Amino acid sequence: MSAARTSPSRSSRPISSTRKECVFVAEFSLRAEPFLGGYDEGFDRLRLTEVTDLAIVSLAPPLGQEAALAAAFKDAYGADWPAPGETTTSANGDTRFLGIAGDQIFALFPRPAGLASRAVAEKLGDAAYLTEQSDNWVLLRLDGPPTLAVLERMIPLDLAQFHVGTVARTLMEHLGVSLLREAPDRFLLMSASSSASSFLHALETAIGNVTALAP
């Protein structure tokens, strides 16, 4: 009696090949968008522009290390640590330092490809406490002969006494603002990015009121 022959079932057949499929995954990159969409408008003899190309890093000295930081700062940037209310500029002219408070300054410089604080750390090492601030602030530049007339409607400071390079923290209506006099008729204004729309609206309203009175 011969043995019965059996044919392999479909489930028992050896798999000789595996089908491979190519999966194409789209490449995405993140790009920071201006808080106000790159706002840039002219009003009679005034221009209001969102500044989007500057990075902001805050610097503060470790406790008891003020003198050591000042020396490292001078060596790295060729500039003095600014007094409160004053500004200094790096020897190569690309970084401006704002004396925001006695133990804190802001560094403003062209936005690098990576973290702005890393660019500062490469120069100062661990001589200062650094905080990335670029995304916390929206910057607007007001430029033109009526600039003082506009800002005096909104800010409780005697801006006529500000020399070029003076910086101050104050209130503009209900918003906290830092302002820097860059030129006789030009101010750089900084406010929290979370209130960017209110910041812009307040300035547009004041500009409209001033230009409406122009002869």
N, C-alpha and C. Protein backbone atom coordinates (compact mmCIF):
# COMPACT_ATOMS: atom_id res chain seq x y z
N MET A 1 0.87 -1.18 0.00
CA MET A 1 0.00 0.00 0.00
C MET A 1 0.89 1.21 0.00
N SER A 2 0.72 1.96 -1.00
CA SER A 2 1.60 3.13 -1.11
C SER A 2 1.09 4.26 -0.23
N ALA A 3 2.05 5.09 0.20
CA ALA A 3 1.67 6.23 1.05
C ALA A 3 0.95 7.27 0.24
N ALA A 4 -0.04 7.85 0.82
CA ALA A 4 -0.81 8.89 0.13
C ALA A 4 0.03 10.15 -0.01
N ARG A 5 -0.05 10.76 -1.14
CA ARG A 5 0.66 12.02 -1.37
C ARG A 5 -0.24 13.19 -0.99
N THR A 6 0.33 14.13 -0.36
CA THR A 6 -0.44 15.32 0.01
C THR A 6 0.17 16.54 -0.64
N SER A 7 -0.65 17.45 -1.04
CA SER A 7 -0.18 18.71 -1.64
C SER A 7 -0.16 19.78 -0.57
N PRO A 8 0.85 20.56 -0.58
CA PRO A 8 0.90 21.63 0.43
C PRO A 8 -0.28 22.58 0.30
N SER A 9 -0.86 22.93 1.41
CA SER A 9 -1.98 23.87 1.39
C SER A 9 -1.45 25.28 1.14
N ARG A 10 -2.34 26.20 0.85
CA ARG A 10 -1.93 27.58 0.58
C ARG A 10 -1.23 28.18 1.80
N SER A 11 -1.70 27.75 2.99
CA SER A 11 -1.13 28.33 4.19
C SER A 11 0.25 27.78 4.50
N SER A 12 0.58 26.63 3.91
CA SER A 12 1.86 26.03 4.22
C SER A 12 2.92 26.28 3.16
N ARG A 13 2.55 26.98 2.10
CA ARG A 13 3.51 27.26 1.05
C ARG A 13 4.58 28.22 1.56
N PRO A 14 5.83 27.94 1.24
CA PRO A 14 6.89 28.87 1.67
C PRO A 14 6.76 30.20 0.94
N ILE A 15 7.08 31.23 1.64
CA ILE A 15 7.05 32.56 1.02
C ILE A 15 8.40 32.81 0.38
N SER A 16 8.42 32.97 -0.89
CA SER A 16 9.69 33.10 -1.60
C SER A 16 10.13 34.55 -1.73
N SER A 17 9.20 35.46 -1.61
CA SER A 17 9.56 36.88 -1.76
C SER A 17 8.60 37.74 -0.96
N THR A 18 9.08 38.89 -0.61
CA THR A 18 8.26 39.84 0.14
C THR A 18 8.11 41.10 -0.67
N ARG A 19 6.93 41.53 -0.82
CA ARG A 19 6.69 42.75 -1.59
C ARG A 19 7.09 43.97 -0.77
N LYS A 20 7.85 44.78 -1.35
CA LYS A 20 8.29 45.99 -0.65
C LYS A 20 7.71 47.22 -1.34
N GLU A 21 7.27 48.13 -0.54
CA GLU A 21 6.70 49.36 -1.07
C GLU A 21 7.50 50.55 -0.59
N CYS A 22 7.63 51.54 -1.45
CA CYS A 22 8.31 52.77 -1.07
C CYS A 22 7.29 53.77 -0.54
N VAL A 23 7.57 54.30 0.59
CA VAL A 23 6.68 55.28 1.19
C VAL A 23 7.36 56.63 1.15
N PHE A 24 6.74 57.58 0.54
CA PHE A 24 7.30 58.92 0.44
C PHE A 24 6.68 59.80 1.51
N VAL A 25 7.51 60.32 2.38
CA VAL A 25 7.04 61.17 3.47
C VAL A 25 7.40 62.62 3.15
N ALA A 26 6.41 63.47 3.19
CA ALA A 26 6.67 64.88 2.89
C ALA A 26 7.60 65.48 3.94
N GLU A 27 8.49 66.31 3.49
CA GLU A 27 9.41 66.98 4.40
C GLU A 27 8.83 68.34 4.78
N PHE A 28 8.79 68.58 6.08
CA PHE A 28 8.26 69.84 6.58
C PHE A 28 9.35 70.59 7.33
N SER A 29 9.32 71.88 7.23
CA SER A 29 10.22 72.70 8.03
C SER A 29 9.40 73.81 8.67
N LEU A 30 9.76 74.14 9.90
CA LEU A 30 9.04 75.18 10.62
C LEU A 30 9.69 76.52 10.37
N ARG A 31 8.87 77.50 10.15
CA ARG A 31 9.37 78.85 9.90
C ARG A 31 8.59 79.82 10.77
N ALA A 32 9.33 80.64 11.49
CA ALA A 32 8.68 81.61 12.37
C ALA A 32 7.96 82.66 11.53
N GLU A 33 6.74 82.96 11.92
CA GLU A 33 5.96 83.99 11.23
C GLU A 33 5.94 85.25 12.08
N PRO A 34 6.03 86.42 11.45
CA PRO A 34 5.97 87.68 12.22
C PRO A 34 4.64 87.78 12.97
N PHE A 35 4.70 88.35 14.16
CA PHE A 35 3.49 88.45 14.98
C PHE A 35 2.43 89.32 14.31
N LEU A 36 2.87 90.31 13.55
CA LEU A 36 1.94 91.22 12.88
C LEU A 36 2.02 91.10 11.37
N GLY A 37 2.51 89.95 10.91
CA GLY A 37 2.55 89.69 9.48
C GLY A 37 3.52 90.56 8.70
N GLY A 38 4.54 91.08 9.37
CA GLY A 38 5.48 91.96 8.68
C GLY A 38 4.89 93.32 8.36
N TYR A 39 4.08 93.82 9.26
CA TYR A 39 3.37 95.10 9.09
C TYR A 39 4.33 96.21 8.67
N ASP A 40 3.91 97.00 7.68
CA ASP A 40 4.72 98.13 7.20
C ASP A 40 3.78 99.12 6.50
N GLU A 41 3.50 100.23 7.18
CA GLU A 41 2.54 101.19 6.63
C GLU A 41 3.07 102.62 6.76
N GLY A 42 2.75 103.42 5.76
CA GLY A 42 3.08 104.83 5.79
C GLY A 42 1.85 105.67 6.11
N PHE A 43 2.03 106.72 6.91
CA PHE A 43 0.95 107.62 7.30
C PHE A 43 1.47 109.05 7.14
N ASP A 44 1.13 109.69 6.05
CA ASP A 44 1.60 111.06 5.83
C ASP A 44 3.12 111.11 5.99
N ARG A 45 3.64 111.75 7.02
CA ARG A 45 5.10 111.86 7.21
C ARG A 45 5.63 110.83 8.21
N LEU A 46 4.86 109.81 8.49
CA LEU A 46 5.26 108.77 9.44
C LEU A 46 5.29 107.41 8.76
N ARG A 47 6.13 106.55 9.29
CA ARG A 47 6.13 105.15 8.86
C ARG A 47 6.19 104.26 10.10
N LEU A 48 5.33 103.26 10.13
CA LEU A 48 5.29 102.30 11.23
C LEU A 48 5.59 100.92 10.66
N THR A 49 6.64 100.28 11.18
CA THR A 49 7.13 99.03 10.61
C THR A 49 7.38 97.99 11.69
N GLU A 50 6.92 96.77 11.46
CA GLU A 50 7.29 95.68 12.36
C GLU A 50 8.72 95.26 12.07
N VAL A 51 9.52 95.17 13.11
CA VAL A 51 10.92 94.76 12.97
C VAL A 51 10.99 93.26 13.23
N THR A 52 11.36 92.50 12.22
CA THR A 52 11.32 91.03 12.33
C THR A 52 12.69 90.38 12.23
N ASP A 53 13.73 91.17 11.99
CA ASP A 53 15.05 90.57 11.73
C ASP A 53 15.99 90.65 12.93
N LEU A 54 15.48 91.03 14.10
CA LEU A 54 16.33 91.14 15.28
C LEU A 54 16.02 90.04 16.30
N ALA A 55 17.06 89.46 16.85
CA ALA A 55 16.94 88.53 17.97
C ALA A 55 17.13 89.30 19.26
N ILE A 56 16.54 88.79 20.34
CA ILE A 56 16.67 89.43 21.65
C ILE A 56 17.08 88.37 22.68
N VAL A 57 18.14 88.68 23.40
CA VAL A 57 18.60 87.81 24.49
C VAL A 57 18.82 88.68 25.72
N SER A 58 18.31 88.25 26.87
CA SER A 58 18.57 88.99 28.11
C SER A 58 19.81 88.40 28.79
N LEU A 59 20.60 89.28 29.39
CA LEU A 59 21.82 88.89 30.10
C LEU A 59 21.75 89.43 31.52
N ALA A 60 22.18 88.62 32.47
CA ALA A 60 22.24 89.04 33.87
C ALA A 60 23.45 88.38 34.52
N PRO A 61 24.09 89.07 35.46
CA PRO A 61 25.28 88.50 36.11
C PRO A 61 24.92 87.50 37.20
N PRO A 62 25.68 86.43 37.35
CA PRO A 62 25.53 85.57 38.53
C PRO A 62 25.83 86.39 39.79
N LEU A 63 25.27 85.97 40.90
CA LEU A 63 25.43 86.70 42.15
C LEU A 63 26.91 86.90 42.49
N GLY A 64 27.27 88.16 42.69
CA GLY A 64 28.64 88.49 43.06
C GLY A 64 29.64 88.48 41.93
N GLN A 65 29.16 88.26 40.70
CA GLN A 65 30.07 88.15 39.56
C GLN A 65 29.95 89.34 38.60
N GLU A 66 29.45 90.45 39.09
CA GLU A 66 29.24 91.61 38.22
C GLU A 66 30.54 92.07 37.56
N ALA A 67 31.61 92.19 38.34
CA ALA A 67 32.88 92.67 37.80
C ALA A 67 33.46 91.69 36.79
N ALA A 68 33.36 90.40 37.09
CA ALA A 68 33.88 89.38 36.17
C ALA A 68 33.11 89.40 34.86
N LEU A 69 31.79 89.57 34.94
CA LEU A 69 30.99 89.63 33.73
C LEU A 69 31.32 90.88 32.92
N ALA A 70 31.48 92.02 33.58
CA ALA A 70 31.81 93.25 32.87
C ALA A 70 33.11 93.10 32.09
N ALA A 71 34.09 92.42 32.70
CA ALA A 71 35.37 92.21 32.03
C ALA A 71 35.22 91.26 30.84
N ALA A 72 34.48 90.17 31.03
CA ALA A 72 34.26 89.22 29.95
C ALA A 72 33.46 89.86 28.82
N PHE A 73 32.51 90.68 29.19
CA PHE A 73 31.67 91.39 28.22
C PHE A 73 32.52 92.33 27.37
N LYS A 74 33.38 93.10 28.03
CA LYS A 74 34.26 94.03 27.33
C LYS A 74 35.18 93.29 26.38
N ASP A 75 35.70 92.16 26.83
CA ASP A 75 36.61 91.38 26.01
C ASP A 75 35.90 90.77 24.80
N ALA A 76 34.67 90.31 25.00
CA ALA A 76 33.94 89.63 23.93
C ALA A 76 33.37 90.60 22.90
N TYR A 77 32.88 91.74 23.36
CA TYR A 77 32.16 92.65 22.47
C TYR A 77 32.85 93.99 22.23
N GLY A 78 33.88 94.28 23.00
CA GLY A 78 34.53 95.58 22.85
C GLY A 78 33.62 96.72 23.26
N ALA A 79 32.71 96.45 24.19
CA ALA A 79 31.74 97.45 24.64
C ALA A 79 31.59 97.36 26.15
N ASP A 80 31.13 98.45 26.75
CA ASP A 80 30.86 98.46 28.18
C ASP A 80 29.46 97.95 28.47
N TRP A 81 29.30 97.35 29.64
CA TRP A 81 27.97 96.97 30.12
C TRP A 81 27.18 98.26 30.33
N PRO A 82 26.02 98.42 29.67
CA PRO A 82 25.31 99.70 29.75
C PRO A 82 24.66 99.95 31.11
N ALA A 83 24.67 101.20 31.53
CA ALA A 83 23.96 101.60 32.73
C ALA A 83 22.45 101.57 32.45
N PRO A 84 21.62 101.46 33.48
CA PRO A 84 20.17 101.51 33.27
C PRO A 84 19.77 102.77 32.51
N GLY A 85 18.96 102.58 31.48
CA GLY A 85 18.50 103.71 30.68
C GLY A 85 19.42 104.08 29.54
N GLU A 86 20.58 103.43 29.46
CA GLU A 86 21.54 103.74 28.40
C GLU A 86 21.75 102.53 27.50
N THR A 87 22.42 102.75 26.38
CA THR A 87 22.74 101.66 25.46
C THR A 87 24.20 101.75 25.05
N THR A 88 24.75 100.62 24.69
CA THR A 88 26.08 100.56 24.09
C THR A 88 26.01 99.67 22.86
N THR A 89 27.04 99.72 22.04
CA THR A 89 27.07 98.95 20.80
C THR A 89 28.38 98.18 20.70
N SER A 90 28.31 96.97 20.19
CA SER A 90 29.51 96.15 20.04
C SER A 90 30.48 96.82 19.08
N ALA A 91 31.75 96.46 19.18
CA ALA A 91 32.78 97.08 18.36
C ALA A 91 32.52 96.90 16.87
N ASN A 92 31.93 95.76 16.49
CA ASN A 92 31.66 95.54 15.06
C ASN A 92 30.33 96.14 14.62
N GLY A 93 29.58 96.71 15.56
CA GLY A 93 28.36 97.44 15.22
C GLY A 93 27.12 96.60 15.01
N ASP A 94 27.21 95.27 15.18
CA ASP A 94 26.02 94.46 14.86
C ASP A 94 25.14 94.13 16.06
N THR A 95 25.59 94.48 17.27
CA THR A 95 24.80 94.17 18.47
C THR A 95 24.62 95.42 19.31
N ARG A 96 23.38 95.66 19.71
CA ARG A 96 23.10 96.80 20.58
C ARG A 96 22.64 96.27 21.93
N PHE A 97 23.16 96.87 23.00
CA PHE A 97 22.86 96.43 24.35
C PHE A 97 22.04 97.49 25.06
N LEU A 98 20.89 97.10 25.58
CA LEU A 98 19.95 98.01 26.22
C LEU A 98 19.99 97.81 27.73
N GLY A 99 20.27 98.89 28.46
CA GLY A 99 20.27 98.82 29.92
C GLY A 99 18.86 98.86 30.46
N ILE A 100 18.23 97.71 30.53
CA ILE A 100 16.84 97.61 30.95
C ILE A 100 16.69 97.82 32.45
N ALA A 101 17.61 97.24 33.23
CA ALA A 101 17.58 97.37 34.69
C ALA A 101 19.01 97.29 35.19
N GLY A 102 19.19 97.49 36.50
CA GLY A 102 20.53 97.51 37.04
C GLY A 102 21.29 96.22 36.83
N ASP A 103 20.57 95.10 36.88
CA ASP A 103 21.24 93.81 36.75
C ASP A 103 20.78 93.03 35.52
N GLN A 104 20.19 93.71 34.56
CA GLN A 104 19.73 93.03 33.35
C GLN A 104 19.87 93.94 32.14
N ILE A 105 20.34 93.36 31.05
CA ILE A 105 20.38 94.08 29.78
C ILE A 105 19.77 93.19 28.70
N PHE A 106 19.36 93.81 27.62
CA PHE A 106 18.92 93.09 26.43
C PHE A 106 19.97 93.27 25.35
N ALA A 107 20.29 92.19 24.66
CA ALA A 107 21.14 92.25 23.48
C ALA A 107 20.26 92.08 22.25
N LEU A 108 20.34 93.03 21.32
CA LEU A 108 19.60 92.98 20.07
C LEU A 108 20.59 92.85 18.93
N PHE A 109 20.40 91.84 18.09
CA PHE A 109 21.32 91.61 16.98
C PHE A 109 20.61 90.81 15.90
N PRO A 110 21.17 90.77 14.67
CA PRO A 110 20.51 90.05 13.58
C PRO A 110 20.22 88.59 13.96
N ARG A 111 19.03 88.13 13.62
CA ARG A 111 18.62 86.77 13.97
C ARG A 111 19.57 85.74 13.35
N PRO A 112 20.13 84.85 14.17
CA PRO A 112 20.96 83.77 13.62
C PRO A 112 20.08 82.60 13.17
N ALA A 113 20.71 81.60 12.56
CA ALA A 113 19.95 80.44 12.10
C ALA A 113 19.46 79.61 13.28
N GLY A 114 20.24 79.51 14.35
CA GLY A 114 19.84 78.72 15.51
C GLY A 114 19.38 79.60 16.65
N LEU A 115 19.53 79.09 17.87
CA LEU A 115 19.13 79.84 19.05
C LEU A 115 20.00 81.07 19.22
N ALA A 116 19.36 82.19 19.47
CA ALA A 116 20.10 83.44 19.66
C ALA A 116 20.95 83.38 20.92
N SER A 117 20.42 82.75 21.97
CA SER A 117 21.17 82.67 23.22
C SER A 117 22.45 81.86 23.05
N ARG A 118 22.44 80.91 22.14
CA ARG A 118 23.65 80.12 21.89
C ARG A 118 24.74 80.99 21.29
N ALA A 119 24.35 81.92 20.42
CA ALA A 119 25.33 82.82 19.81
C ALA A 119 26.01 83.68 20.87
N VAL A 120 25.24 84.11 21.88
CA VAL A 120 25.81 84.90 22.97
C VAL A 120 26.68 84.03 23.87
N ALA A 121 26.22 82.82 24.14
CA ALA A 121 26.98 81.90 25.00
C ALA A 121 28.33 81.56 24.39
N GLU A 122 28.40 81.52 23.07
CA GLU A 122 29.68 81.24 22.42
C GLU A 122 30.70 82.33 22.69
N LYS A 123 30.23 83.53 22.98
CA LYS A 123 31.13 84.64 23.27
C LYS A 123 31.42 84.79 24.76
N LEU A 124 30.42 84.53 25.59
CA LEU A 124 30.55 84.80 27.02
C LEU A 124 30.70 83.55 27.89
N GLY A 125 30.47 82.37 27.31
CA GLY A 125 30.54 81.16 28.11
C GLY A 125 29.50 81.20 29.22
N ASP A 126 29.94 80.86 30.44
CA ASP A 126 29.01 80.87 31.58
C ASP A 126 29.17 82.11 32.45
N ALA A 127 29.70 83.19 31.85
CA ALA A 127 29.90 84.42 32.62
C ALA A 127 28.59 85.15 32.92
N ALA A 128 27.52 84.82 32.17
CA ALA A 128 26.23 85.50 32.36
C ALA A 128 25.10 84.49 32.32
N TYR A 129 24.01 84.83 33.00
CA TYR A 129 22.77 84.09 32.83
C TYR A 129 22.09 84.63 31.58
N LEU A 130 21.72 83.72 30.67
CA LEU A 130 21.12 84.12 29.40
C LEU A 130 19.70 83.58 29.29
N THR A 131 18.83 84.40 28.73
CA THR A 131 17.45 83.97 28.50
C THR A 131 17.03 84.37 27.10
N GLU A 132 16.52 83.40 26.36
CA GLU A 132 16.01 83.65 25.02
C GLU A 132 14.74 84.50 25.13
N GLN A 133 14.72 85.64 24.45
CA GLN A 133 13.59 86.57 24.56
C GLN A 133 12.92 86.85 23.21
N SER A 134 13.46 86.36 22.13
CA SER A 134 13.01 86.77 20.80
C SER A 134 11.52 86.58 20.58
N ASP A 135 10.97 85.47 21.07
CA ASP A 135 9.55 85.18 20.85
C ASP A 135 8.63 85.83 21.87
N ASN A 136 9.20 86.51 22.84
CA ASN A 136 8.39 87.15 23.88
C ASN A 136 7.98 88.57 23.54
N TRP A 137 8.61 89.14 22.53
CA TRP A 137 8.42 90.55 22.23
C TRP A 137 8.04 90.76 20.77
N VAL A 138 7.21 91.75 20.55
CA VAL A 138 6.95 92.25 19.20
C VAL A 138 7.57 93.64 19.13
N LEU A 139 8.25 93.91 18.02
CA LEU A 139 8.98 95.17 17.86
C LEU A 139 8.35 96.00 16.74
N LEU A 140 8.12 97.27 17.02
CA LEU A 140 7.64 98.21 16.01
C LEU A 140 8.54 99.43 15.99
N ARG A 141 8.83 99.90 14.80
CA ARG A 141 9.66 101.10 14.65
C ARG A 141 8.78 102.23 14.09
N LEU A 142 8.78 103.36 14.80
CA LEU A 142 8.03 104.53 14.37
C LEU A 142 9.03 105.58 13.92
N ASP A 143 8.87 106.04 12.69
CA ASP A 143 9.88 106.92 12.09
C ASP A 143 9.20 108.07 11.35
N GLY A 144 9.67 109.28 11.62
CA GLY A 144 9.15 110.45 10.92
C GLY A 144 9.07 111.65 11.84
N PRO A 145 9.00 112.86 11.29
CA PRO A 145 8.99 114.08 12.10
C PRO A 145 7.91 114.13 13.18
N PRO A 146 6.69 113.60 12.96
CA PRO A 146 5.67 113.68 14.03
C PRO A 146 5.79 112.58 15.09
N THR A 147 6.88 111.83 15.11
CA THR A 147 7.00 110.70 16.04
C THR A 147 6.78 111.11 17.49
N LEU A 148 7.43 112.19 17.93
CA LEU A 148 7.28 112.63 19.32
C LEU A 148 5.83 113.00 19.62
N ALA A 149 5.18 113.67 18.69
CA ALA A 149 3.78 114.07 18.91
C ALA A 149 2.89 112.86 19.11
N VAL A 150 3.17 111.78 18.39
CA VAL A 150 2.38 110.55 18.54
C VAL A 150 2.64 109.91 19.90
N LEU A 151 3.91 109.73 20.23
CA LEU A 151 4.25 109.01 21.47
C LEU A 151 3.88 109.80 22.72
N GLU A 152 3.95 111.12 22.65
CA GLU A 152 3.61 111.93 23.83
C GLU A 152 2.14 111.82 24.19
N ARG A 153 1.31 111.40 23.25
CA ARG A 153 -0.11 111.17 23.53
C ARG A 153 -0.32 109.88 24.33
N MET A 154 0.67 109.01 24.33
CA MET A 154 0.47 107.66 24.85
C MET A 154 1.37 107.32 26.03
N ILE A 155 2.49 108.03 26.16
CA ILE A 155 3.53 107.62 27.11
C ILE A 155 3.79 108.73 28.12
N PRO A 156 3.76 108.45 29.41
CA PRO A 156 3.92 109.48 30.44
C PRO A 156 5.38 109.80 30.75
N LEU A 157 6.16 110.05 29.71
CA LEU A 157 7.57 110.41 29.86
C LEU A 157 7.86 111.64 29.02
N ASP A 158 8.85 112.43 29.45
CA ASP A 158 9.27 113.59 28.67
C ASP A 158 10.27 113.11 27.62
N LEU A 159 9.75 112.66 26.51
CA LEU A 159 10.60 112.07 25.48
C LEU A 159 11.52 113.09 24.83
N ALA A 160 11.19 114.35 24.91
CA ALA A 160 12.06 115.39 24.34
C ALA A 160 13.41 115.41 25.05
N GLN A 161 13.45 114.92 26.29
CA GLN A 161 14.70 114.89 27.05
C GLN A 161 15.53 113.64 26.75
N PHE A 162 14.99 112.72 25.99
CA PHE A 162 15.74 111.51 25.63
C PHE A 162 16.78 111.86 24.57
N HIS A 163 18.03 111.57 24.83
CA HIS A 163 19.01 111.69 23.76
C HIS A 163 19.01 110.40 22.94
N VAL A 164 19.60 110.43 21.77
CA VAL A 164 19.68 109.22 20.95
C VAL A 164 20.45 108.15 21.73
N GLY A 165 19.85 106.98 21.87
CA GLY A 165 20.46 105.90 22.64
C GLY A 165 19.82 105.69 24.00
N THR A 166 18.91 106.59 24.41
CA THR A 166 18.21 106.41 25.68
C THR A 166 17.17 105.30 25.54
N VAL A 167 17.06 104.46 26.57
CA VAL A 167 16.07 103.40 26.59
C VAL A 167 15.30 103.49 27.91
N ALA A 168 14.02 103.14 27.88
CA ALA A 168 13.21 103.20 29.10
C ALA A 168 12.09 102.18 29.04
N ARG A 169 11.67 101.76 30.24
CA ARG A 169 10.47 100.95 30.37
C ARG A 169 9.36 101.84 30.89
N THR A 170 8.17 101.67 30.33
CA THR A 170 7.06 102.51 30.75
C THR A 170 5.74 101.83 30.37
N LEU A 171 4.65 102.57 30.53
CA LEU A 171 3.35 102.10 30.10
C LEU A 171 2.89 102.91 28.90
N MET A 172 2.29 102.23 27.96
CA MET A 172 1.67 102.89 26.82
C MET A 172 0.21 102.48 26.85
N GLU A 173 -0.63 103.42 27.33
CA GLU A 173 -2.00 103.08 27.67
C GLU A 173 -1.97 101.95 28.70
N HIS A 174 -2.49 100.78 28.42
CA HIS A 174 -2.50 99.71 29.42
C HIS A 174 -1.40 98.68 29.19
N LEU A 175 -0.49 98.95 28.26
CA LEU A 175 0.52 97.98 27.86
C LEU A 175 1.90 98.34 28.40
N GLY A 176 2.64 97.34 28.85
CA GLY A 176 4.03 97.56 29.20
C GLY A 176 4.86 97.67 27.94
N VAL A 177 5.72 98.68 27.89
CA VAL A 177 6.51 98.95 26.68
C VAL A 177 7.93 99.33 27.07
N SER A 178 8.89 98.87 26.28
CA SER A 178 10.26 99.39 26.34
C SER A 178 10.49 100.16 25.05
N LEU A 179 11.12 101.31 25.15
CA LEU A 179 11.35 102.11 23.95
C LEU A 179 12.78 102.62 23.92
N LEU A 180 13.30 102.69 22.72
CA LEU A 180 14.67 103.12 22.47
C LEU A 180 14.65 104.23 21.43
N ARG A 181 15.28 105.35 21.75
CA ARG A 181 15.39 106.42 20.75
C ARG A 181 16.58 106.11 19.85
N GLU A 182 16.30 105.75 18.61
CA GLU A 182 17.35 105.37 17.67
C GLU A 182 17.90 106.57 16.90
N ALA A 183 17.08 107.58 16.72
CA ALA A 183 17.45 108.78 15.98
C ALA A 183 16.50 109.88 16.44
N PRO A 184 16.77 111.14 16.10
CA PRO A 184 15.89 112.22 16.58
C PRO A 184 14.41 111.98 16.31
N ASP A 185 14.08 111.41 15.16
CA ASP A 185 12.68 111.19 14.80
C ASP A 185 12.34 109.71 14.66
N ARG A 186 13.09 108.87 15.33
CA ARG A 186 12.84 107.42 15.18
C ARG A 186 12.97 106.71 16.52
N PHE A 187 11.93 105.93 16.87
CA PHE A 187 11.93 105.14 18.10
C PHE A 187 11.66 103.67 17.77
N LEU A 188 12.36 102.79 18.50
CA LEU A 188 12.06 101.36 18.46
C LEU A 188 11.25 101.04 19.71
N LEU A 189 10.09 100.42 19.51
CA LEU A 189 9.15 100.12 20.59
C LEU A 189 8.99 98.62 20.73
N MET A 190 9.01 98.14 21.96
CA MET A 190 8.90 96.71 22.24
C MET A 190 7.78 96.47 23.24
N SER A 191 6.91 95.51 22.93
CA SER A 191 5.86 95.13 23.86
C SER A 191 5.67 93.62 23.79
N ALA A 192 4.94 93.08 24.76
CA ALA A 192 4.76 91.63 24.82
C ALA A 192 4.08 91.12 23.55
N SER A 193 4.60 90.04 23.01
CA SER A 193 4.05 89.49 21.77
C SER A 193 2.61 89.02 21.96
N SER A 194 2.24 88.66 23.18
CA SER A 194 0.87 88.20 23.45
C SER A 194 -0.17 89.30 23.24
N SER A 195 0.26 90.55 23.28
CA SER A 195 -0.67 91.67 23.07
C SER A 195 -0.30 92.46 21.82
N ALA A 196 0.26 91.77 20.83
CA ALA A 196 0.75 92.43 19.62
C ALA A 196 -0.35 93.24 18.91
N SER A 197 -1.53 92.67 18.78
CA SER A 197 -2.61 93.36 18.07
C SER A 197 -3.04 94.63 18.80
N SER A 198 -3.14 94.56 20.12
CA SER A 198 -3.51 95.75 20.91
C SER A 198 -2.43 96.82 20.81
N PHE A 199 -1.19 96.40 20.82
CA PHE A 199 -0.05 97.30 20.68
C PHE A 199 -0.13 98.06 19.37
N LEU A 200 -0.35 97.33 18.29
CA LEU A 200 -0.45 97.95 16.97
C LEU A 200 -1.66 98.88 16.90
N HIS A 201 -2.80 98.44 17.42
CA HIS A 201 -4.01 99.26 17.36
C HIS A 201 -3.83 100.58 18.10
N ALA A 202 -3.18 100.53 19.26
CA ALA A 202 -2.96 101.75 20.03
C ALA A 202 -2.11 102.75 19.25
N LEU A 203 -1.08 102.25 18.60
CA LEU A 203 -0.22 103.14 17.81
C LEU A 203 -0.95 103.69 16.59
N GLU A 204 -1.68 102.84 15.90
CA GLU A 204 -2.43 103.30 14.73
C GLU A 204 -3.44 104.37 15.12
N THR A 205 -4.09 104.20 16.26
CA THR A 205 -5.07 105.19 16.71
C THR A 205 -4.41 106.53 16.99
N ALA A 206 -3.29 106.50 17.71
CA ALA A 206 -2.57 107.74 18.02
C ALA A 206 -2.05 108.41 16.75
N ILE A 207 -1.55 107.62 15.83
CA ILE A 207 -1.06 108.17 14.56
C ILE A 207 -2.21 108.84 13.81
N GLY A 208 -3.36 108.16 13.79
CA GLY A 208 -4.52 108.74 13.11
C GLY A 208 -4.95 110.06 13.72
N ASN A 209 -4.89 110.16 15.04
CA ASN A 209 -5.27 111.40 15.71
C ASN A 209 -4.31 112.54 15.38
N VAL A 210 -3.02 112.22 15.32
CA VAL A 210 -2.02 113.26 15.03
C VAL A 210 -2.08 113.69 13.57
N THR A 211 -2.18 112.74 12.67
CA THR A 211 -2.21 113.10 11.25
C THR A 211 -3.49 113.84 10.89
N ALA A 212 -4.58 113.59 11.62
CA ALA A 212 -5.83 114.30 11.35
C ALA A 212 -5.71 115.78 11.69
N LEU A 213 -4.80 116.12 12.60
CA LEU A 213 -4.60 117.52 13.00
C LEU A 213 -3.58 118.24 12.14
N ALA A 214 -2.89 117.49 11.29
CA ALA A 214 -1.85 118.11 10.47
C ALA A 214 -2.47 119.08 9.48
N PRO A 215 -1.81 120.23 9.26
CA PRO A 215 -2.36 121.21 8.32
C PRO A 215 -2.32 120.70 6.89
